[in-house]
Amino acid sequence: MNKKFVAINYIACEQHYRQRFEELFATRAHAIDRMPGFVDMQVLRPNQDGEYLIVSHWESEDAFKSWTNSPAFLEGHKRGFEDLRKAKERGEQAPMRSSFKTYEVIAR
């Protein structure tokens, strides 16, 4: 079997930021779509309170790492990073927090 790689970003949003977060994805730059080794991505909204999941599929871990270290990554996230910067300047809690976990696909 050809090994594949999945990265899942777990995003916790403050209630007041959820609509903005969804807007950011609805109007995203599609920078990730142009990256070598990118396969697919899903953005999952929790049915109840909880974290959003951003599930990205890659040909390899190296392809994913290339994305996270690329200018395209900064392009794709600049509006969210700007929101975080502005909240910090105002002395507010970050409106969202994220953590990545990565996985190797072993079965389909």
N, C-alpha and C. Protein backbone atom coordinates (compact mmCIF):
# COMPACT_ATOMS: atom_id res chain seq x y z
N MET A 1 0.84 -1.19 0.00
CA MET A 1 0.00 0.00 0.00
C MET A 1 0.88 1.24 0.00
N ASN A 2 0.49 2.25 -0.78
CA ASN A 2 1.19 3.52 -0.82
C ASN A 2 0.87 4.28 0.46
N LYS A 3 1.90 4.63 1.23
CA LYS A 3 1.66 5.33 2.49
C LYS A 3 1.16 6.73 2.22
N LYS A 4 0.23 7.17 3.03
CA LYS A 4 -0.30 8.53 2.98
C LYS A 4 -0.16 9.13 4.37
N PHE A 5 -0.27 10.44 4.41
CA PHE A 5 -0.07 11.17 5.65
C PHE A 5 -1.25 12.10 5.87
N VAL A 6 -1.72 12.18 7.13
CA VAL A 6 -2.84 13.04 7.48
C VAL A 6 -2.42 13.93 8.64
N ALA A 7 -2.74 15.21 8.52
CA ALA A 7 -2.53 16.16 9.61
C ALA A 7 -3.89 16.67 10.03
N ILE A 8 -4.14 16.69 11.33
CA ILE A 8 -5.39 17.21 11.85
C ILE A 8 -5.08 18.36 12.78
N ASN A 9 -5.65 19.51 12.46
CA ASN A 9 -5.50 20.70 13.29
C ASN A 9 -6.78 20.83 14.10
N TYR A 10 -6.65 20.76 15.42
CA TYR A 10 -7.77 20.90 16.34
C TYR A 10 -7.84 22.37 16.73
N ILE A 11 -8.95 23.04 16.39
CA ILE A 11 -9.08 24.47 16.62
C ILE A 11 -10.22 24.75 17.59
N ALA A 12 -9.88 25.33 18.72
CA ALA A 12 -10.88 25.76 19.70
C ALA A 12 -11.11 27.25 19.49
N CYS A 13 -12.36 27.63 19.25
CA CYS A 13 -12.72 29.03 19.03
C CYS A 13 -13.58 29.54 20.17
N GLU A 14 -13.32 30.77 20.57
CA GLU A 14 -14.23 31.44 21.49
C GLU A 14 -15.57 31.58 20.76
N GLN A 15 -16.64 31.54 21.51
CA GLN A 15 -17.98 31.57 20.90
C GLN A 15 -18.14 32.77 19.96
N HIS A 16 -17.68 33.93 20.38
CA HIS A 16 -17.85 35.14 19.58
C HIS A 16 -17.04 35.11 18.28
N TYR A 17 -16.08 34.19 18.16
CA TYR A 17 -15.20 34.14 17.00
C TYR A 17 -15.61 33.06 15.99
N ARG A 18 -16.54 32.21 16.34
CA ARG A 18 -16.88 31.07 15.49
C ARG A 18 -17.34 31.50 14.09
N GLN A 19 -18.18 32.50 14.01
CA GLN A 19 -18.66 32.96 12.70
C GLN A 19 -17.50 33.49 11.86
N ARG A 20 -16.61 34.25 12.48
CA ARG A 20 -15.44 34.79 11.78
C ARG A 20 -14.55 33.64 11.29
N PHE A 21 -14.34 32.65 12.15
CA PHE A 21 -13.51 31.50 11.78
C PHE A 21 -14.07 30.80 10.54
N GLU A 22 -15.37 30.57 10.54
CA GLU A 22 -16.00 29.91 9.39
C GLU A 22 -15.91 30.78 8.14
N GLU A 23 -16.03 32.08 8.32
CA GLU A 23 -15.88 33.01 7.19
C GLU A 23 -14.48 32.94 6.59
N LEU A 24 -13.47 32.82 7.45
CA LEU A 24 -12.09 32.72 6.96
C LEU A 24 -11.93 31.50 6.05
N PHE A 25 -12.53 30.38 6.42
CA PHE A 25 -12.42 29.20 5.58
C PHE A 25 -13.29 29.30 4.34
N ALA A 26 -14.43 29.93 4.45
CA ALA A 26 -15.32 30.06 3.28
C ALA A 26 -14.68 30.95 2.21
N THR A 27 -13.80 31.83 2.61
CA THR A 27 -13.15 32.76 1.67
C THR A 27 -11.64 32.54 1.64
N ARG A 28 -11.22 31.33 1.89
CA ARG A 28 -9.78 31.04 2.00
C ARG A 28 -9.04 31.27 0.69
N ALA A 29 -7.74 31.44 0.80
CA ALA A 29 -6.88 31.76 -0.34
C ALA A 29 -6.61 30.54 -1.23
N HIS A 30 -6.90 29.36 -0.77
CA HIS A 30 -6.62 28.11 -1.51
C HIS A 30 -5.13 27.90 -1.75
N ALA A 31 -4.31 28.51 -0.90
CA ALA A 31 -2.85 28.37 -1.04
C ALA A 31 -2.41 26.92 -0.89
N ILE A 32 -3.04 26.19 0.01
CA ILE A 32 -2.68 24.79 0.25
C ILE A 32 -2.94 23.93 -1.00
N ASP A 33 -3.96 24.30 -1.78
CA ASP A 33 -4.34 23.51 -2.94
C ASP A 33 -3.25 23.44 -4.00
N ARG A 34 -2.35 24.41 -3.98
CA ARG A 34 -1.28 24.48 -4.99
C ARG A 34 0.01 23.80 -4.53
N MET A 35 0.01 23.26 -3.33
CA MET A 35 1.24 22.67 -2.79
C MET A 35 1.48 21.27 -3.33
N PRO A 36 2.72 20.98 -3.75
CA PRO A 36 3.05 19.62 -4.18
C PRO A 36 2.80 18.63 -3.05
N GLY A 37 2.15 17.53 -3.36
CA GLY A 37 1.89 16.49 -2.38
C GLY A 37 0.58 16.65 -1.63
N PHE A 38 -0.11 17.78 -1.82
CA PHE A 38 -1.42 17.97 -1.18
C PHE A 38 -2.45 17.13 -1.91
N VAL A 39 -3.31 16.44 -1.14
CA VAL A 39 -4.34 15.58 -1.71
C VAL A 39 -5.74 16.16 -1.51
N ASP A 40 -6.10 16.49 -0.26
CA ASP A 40 -7.46 16.92 0.03
C ASP A 40 -7.50 17.54 1.42
N MET A 41 -8.59 18.26 1.70
CA MET A 41 -8.78 18.85 3.02
C MET A 41 -10.28 18.92 3.33
N GLN A 42 -10.62 18.67 4.59
CA GLN A 42 -11.97 18.87 5.08
C GLN A 42 -11.91 19.78 6.30
N VAL A 43 -12.90 20.65 6.42
CA VAL A 43 -13.06 21.49 7.60
C VAL A 43 -14.34 21.02 8.27
N LEU A 44 -14.21 20.53 9.49
CA LEU A 44 -15.34 19.93 10.20
C LEU A 44 -15.78 20.82 11.36
N ARG A 45 -17.08 21.15 11.38
CA ARG A 45 -17.67 21.94 12.46
C ARG A 45 -18.26 20.98 13.49
N PRO A 46 -18.00 21.24 14.78
CA PRO A 46 -18.60 20.37 15.79
C PRO A 46 -20.11 20.57 15.84
N ASN A 47 -20.85 19.49 16.07
CA ASN A 47 -22.31 19.58 16.21
C ASN A 47 -22.70 20.21 17.54
N GLN A 48 -21.89 20.01 18.54
CA GLN A 48 -22.09 20.64 19.84
C GLN A 48 -20.87 21.52 20.09
N ASP A 49 -20.76 22.06 21.30
CA ASP A 49 -19.55 22.79 21.66
C ASP A 49 -18.37 21.85 21.50
N GLY A 50 -17.31 22.35 20.98
CA GLY A 50 -16.12 21.53 20.80
C GLY A 50 -15.21 22.17 19.77
N GLU A 51 -14.24 21.42 19.36
CA GLU A 51 -13.22 21.92 18.45
C GLU A 51 -13.60 21.67 16.99
N TYR A 52 -13.21 22.61 16.16
CA TYR A 52 -13.25 22.38 14.72
C TYR A 52 -12.07 21.47 14.39
N LEU A 53 -12.23 20.67 13.36
CA LEU A 53 -11.13 19.84 12.88
C LEU A 53 -10.82 20.23 11.45
N ILE A 54 -9.56 20.49 11.18
CA ILE A 54 -9.09 20.73 9.83
C ILE A 54 -8.25 19.51 9.47
N VAL A 55 -8.78 18.68 8.59
CA VAL A 55 -8.15 17.41 8.24
C VAL A 55 -7.54 17.55 6.85
N SER A 56 -6.21 17.50 6.79
CA SER A 56 -5.55 17.59 5.48
C SER A 56 -4.83 16.29 5.17
N HIS A 57 -4.95 15.88 3.92
CA HIS A 57 -4.37 14.63 3.43
C HIS A 57 -3.22 14.96 2.50
N TRP A 58 -2.13 14.23 2.67
CA TRP A 58 -0.89 14.50 1.94
C TRP A 58 -0.31 13.20 1.40
N GLU A 59 0.49 13.33 0.37
CA GLU A 59 1.21 12.18 -0.17
C GLU A 59 2.29 11.69 0.80
N SER A 60 2.84 12.62 1.61
CA SER A 60 3.92 12.24 2.52
C SER A 60 4.04 13.28 3.64
N GLU A 61 4.73 12.89 4.69
CA GLU A 61 5.01 13.82 5.78
C GLU A 61 5.90 14.96 5.28
N ASP A 62 6.84 14.65 4.40
CA ASP A 62 7.70 15.71 3.86
C ASP A 62 6.90 16.77 3.11
N ALA A 63 5.88 16.36 2.37
CA ALA A 63 5.03 17.32 1.65
C ALA A 63 4.32 18.23 2.65
N PHE A 64 3.81 17.64 3.74
CA PHE A 64 3.15 18.44 4.77
C PHE A 64 4.13 19.42 5.41
N LYS A 65 5.31 18.96 5.75
CA LYS A 65 6.31 19.83 6.37
C LYS A 65 6.71 20.96 5.42
N SER A 66 6.80 20.66 4.13
CA SER A 66 7.11 21.71 3.15
C SER A 66 6.03 22.78 3.17
N TRP A 67 4.77 22.37 3.30
CA TRP A 67 3.66 23.32 3.39
C TRP A 67 3.81 24.22 4.61
N THR A 68 4.05 23.63 5.78
CA THR A 68 4.09 24.42 7.01
C THR A 68 5.29 25.38 7.05
N ASN A 69 6.29 25.13 6.22
CA ASN A 69 7.48 26.00 6.17
C ASN A 69 7.49 26.90 4.94
N SER A 70 6.39 26.99 4.24
CA SER A 70 6.37 27.72 2.96
C SER A 70 5.75 29.11 3.09
N PRO A 71 6.10 30.00 2.16
CA PRO A 71 5.42 31.30 2.10
C PRO A 71 3.91 31.13 1.86
N ALA A 72 3.52 30.08 1.16
CA ALA A 72 2.09 29.82 0.92
C ALA A 72 1.35 29.57 2.23
N PHE A 73 2.00 28.92 3.20
CA PHE A 73 1.39 28.70 4.51
C PHE A 73 1.06 30.03 5.17
N LEU A 74 2.03 30.96 5.14
CA LEU A 74 1.79 32.29 5.71
C LEU A 74 0.69 33.01 4.97
N GLU A 75 0.66 32.89 3.64
CA GLU A 75 -0.40 33.50 2.85
C GLU A 75 -1.76 32.94 3.25
N GLY A 76 -1.84 31.64 3.39
CA GLY A 76 -3.10 30.99 3.71
C GLY A 76 -3.62 31.28 5.11
N HIS A 77 -2.73 31.72 6.00
CA HIS A 77 -3.12 31.95 7.39
C HIS A 77 -3.03 33.41 7.82
N LYS A 78 -2.69 34.30 6.92
CA LYS A 78 -2.38 35.68 7.34
C LYS A 78 -3.55 36.39 8.00
N ARG A 79 -4.78 36.15 7.55
CA ARG A 79 -5.92 36.85 8.17
C ARG A 79 -6.17 36.34 9.59
N GLY A 80 -6.06 35.05 9.80
CA GLY A 80 -6.21 34.51 11.14
C GLY A 80 -5.09 34.96 12.06
N PHE A 81 -3.85 34.97 11.55
CA PHE A 81 -2.71 35.45 12.34
C PHE A 81 -2.91 36.92 12.71
N GLU A 82 -3.47 37.69 11.79
CA GLU A 82 -3.74 39.11 12.04
C GLU A 82 -4.79 39.27 13.14
N ASP A 83 -5.82 38.44 13.13
CA ASP A 83 -6.83 38.48 14.19
C ASP A 83 -6.20 38.19 15.55
N LEU A 84 -5.29 37.22 15.59
CA LEU A 84 -4.60 36.90 16.85
C LEU A 84 -3.74 38.06 17.31
N ARG A 85 -3.03 38.68 16.38
CA ARG A 85 -2.17 39.82 16.72
C ARG A 85 -2.99 40.97 17.30
N LYS A 86 -4.12 41.28 16.66
CA LYS A 86 -4.96 42.39 17.12
C LYS A 86 -5.53 42.11 18.51
N ALA A 87 -5.95 40.88 18.76
CA ALA A 87 -6.48 40.53 20.09
C ALA A 87 -5.39 40.71 21.14
N LYS A 88 -4.18 40.30 20.83
CA LYS A 88 -3.07 40.44 21.77
C LYS A 88 -2.79 41.92 22.04
N GLU A 89 -2.79 42.74 21.00
CA GLU A 89 -2.57 44.18 21.17
C GLU A 89 -3.63 44.81 22.07
N ARG A 90 -4.85 44.32 22.00
CA ARG A 90 -5.94 44.85 22.83
C ARG A 90 -5.92 44.25 24.25
N GLY A 91 -5.00 43.33 24.48
CA GLY A 91 -4.91 42.69 25.80
C GLY A 91 -5.98 41.64 26.01
N GLU A 92 -6.54 41.12 24.93
CA GLU A 92 -7.60 40.13 25.01
C GLU A 92 -7.04 38.71 24.87
N GLN A 93 -7.82 37.76 25.33
CA GLN A 93 -7.49 36.36 25.12
C GLN A 93 -7.56 36.05 23.64
N ALA A 94 -6.71 35.16 23.16
CA ALA A 94 -6.74 34.75 21.76
C ALA A 94 -8.12 34.20 21.42
N PRO A 95 -8.71 34.60 20.29
CA PRO A 95 -10.05 34.12 19.94
C PRO A 95 -10.08 32.66 19.49
N MET A 96 -8.89 32.11 19.19
CA MET A 96 -8.81 30.70 18.81
C MET A 96 -7.45 30.15 19.23
N ARG A 97 -7.42 28.85 19.42
CA ARG A 97 -6.19 28.14 19.75
C ARG A 97 -6.16 26.88 18.91
N SER A 98 -4.98 26.48 18.49
CA SER A 98 -4.91 25.28 17.67
C SER A 98 -3.78 24.37 18.12
N SER A 99 -3.97 23.10 17.81
CA SER A 99 -2.92 22.11 18.04
C SER A 99 -3.00 21.06 16.92
N PHE A 100 -1.84 20.67 16.43
CA PHE A 100 -1.75 19.69 15.35
C PHE A 100 -1.44 18.32 15.90
N LYS A 101 -2.03 17.33 15.27
CA LYS A 101 -1.62 15.94 15.46
C LYS A 101 -1.48 15.36 14.05
N THR A 102 -0.54 14.48 13.88
CA THR A 102 -0.31 13.90 12.57
C THR A 102 -0.42 12.39 12.64
N TYR A 103 -0.79 11.81 11.49
CA TYR A 103 -1.08 10.38 11.43
C TYR A 103 -0.59 9.80 10.10
N GLU A 104 -0.23 8.55 10.14
CA GLU A 104 0.05 7.78 8.93
C GLU A 104 -1.16 6.89 8.67
N VAL A 105 -1.64 6.88 7.46
CA VAL A 105 -2.78 6.03 7.10
C VAL A 105 -2.29 4.59 7.00
N ILE A 106 -2.92 3.69 7.74
CA ILE A 106 -2.50 2.30 7.70
C ILE A 106 -3.56 1.39 7.09
N ALA A 107 -4.78 1.90 6.92
CA ALA A 107 -5.85 1.09 6.31
C ALA A 107 -6.90 2.03 5.74
N ARG A 108 -7.60 1.53 4.72
CA ARG A 108 -8.71 2.27 4.09
C ARG A 108 -9.93 1.39 4.06
